[in-house]
């Protein structure tokens, strides 16, 4: 290890000369078995809780993209994806699961459980850092505990379709690379490549990883701002990390254009709308979202009296975790210029940037937009573990009589919340009844609104293809250019003869008649109007891009 490498070690990390003897193979095997068992239990609980929320067309679209990639369309030619592609993160994961489990809604729930389990384990490992013994264990347990039991109302944000929470997995892996390896010339290039890889999938990493790292490293490089003990080699290394991250941000932002130029998917523009006029409301929503992510949102509308008493108690207990994270955030910001620490101030700045950007964005209208700041959860958990975890053993020794019972109650509450989430009944997809009706009437190719389209296709395991259409100015229907495959609208490839109208945010029946004329048959089923023609409707539908 170089002298600069020793300077980069986290506080409390033992020197090589003082490190304990190598762990015996039997003890190592025992620890590995315990970790595997814990991971299996967590995976099962998160899989069960994920199933309590019905699958939507957003996640279904990602399943169909992964299925298409699995069958040779690696660049997703003809696809129009959303403003976040997940191309290098969740889509490869979906490909792997679909290859094993087949096309269907199970892909989303299995992937969600896998992602969140990995996040809990990665947060524990990263929070532990170089600490050993009781301090290292306390760090890891605190970080994992803060993430252990997602609030039920946050299931769709943390345990369902691909979203920004999944981007935290490669982000934490990048930080493990920075934190666990001593400074070497090849680390900054590897970090830059990893950041660029993530940027292709989700530009939120600019707020949660790239910009915070650049800001902290550049600030610390200013002469005279870092406390005593700094070494020039460390400053150069941090600037190299910042430079690599900045280059990755630029390269990753152009990658979707390059993929499109090669014949791959077309990505919708990334929205960055701000509305300072709703700052007061945005601040209130941001506070609730922060509480929601850490399981302690007691301000949800009609919460008290509308939920089981046990759930209310469990949510109140989670407020302790919220307080711990808020405390750690303050400590982390105060350590920006402390030499020897990089992960703590960077994570603190990342949390502040993410919260601030969400607060002034148009997403801060209700808690559904909390997905835009979901990475605050793992970042906050790691930060709390690094800053406060190693103090817990000392606190226990100093106040054992009252602190141990308090910690025991909190631990029991978090474990109970984990079990409570896993005990929820599985919810059928909103389009399941529609899929069943279409299959019974042998209708296999048609059109519908976005929220009925992809979800019906995935629920049928691909046996029924329903493509999304939307009203254009004037009322006629045109292809919906969001999470859709242009090839599905080609009359030379497909014969679509029905339209599904009605349902939640569905199409009006009159738009279908205006576009395709009077149907040959009309059915009413489960709140939907199913209109059937004796002709290929795609021949009368304006092609993609002609809206």
Foldseek 3Di string as FASTA:
>chain_A
DDPQLVLQAAPQFDDPVPDDDDDDPVVVVVVVVVLVVVLVVQLLLLLLLLLADFAWLLQLLLLVQLVVCLVPQLQAFQAQAEQFACSLFVSVQLNVVCVVPNFFQSSFSNSLSVLLSLLLQLLLVLLLQNHDDQLSNLLSCQLSLLQRFAQSVCCCLRRGGDFVSSLVNLVSVLVCLVRVDGDDPCNLLVSLVSLLSSLLRPVLCVLQPQVLLLVLLVVLLPPPLADPDDDPVNSVSSNSNNVSSVVSSVNSVCVQVVSVVVRGYHYDHDDQAFDVVCLVLLVVLLVQLLLNLSQQNPPPPPPPPPDDPLSNVLNPLSVVVVVLLVVLLVVLCVCSRYGNDRLSVSLSSSLVSQSVSSSGHPLSPHNVSSSSNNNNSSSSSSSSSNRPSSCVVVVCVVPVVPVVVSVVVSSVSSVVSSVVSSPNDRDYHPQLQVLVVCVVVVQAEAEKASRNASNSCSNNSNRHHYFHWDADVVLAIAGDSYSGRLVSLDPVVDAHFKYKAFDDVIHDPVNVCVQQNAAPDWDDDDGIIMGGHPGRSSVSHDGPPPD
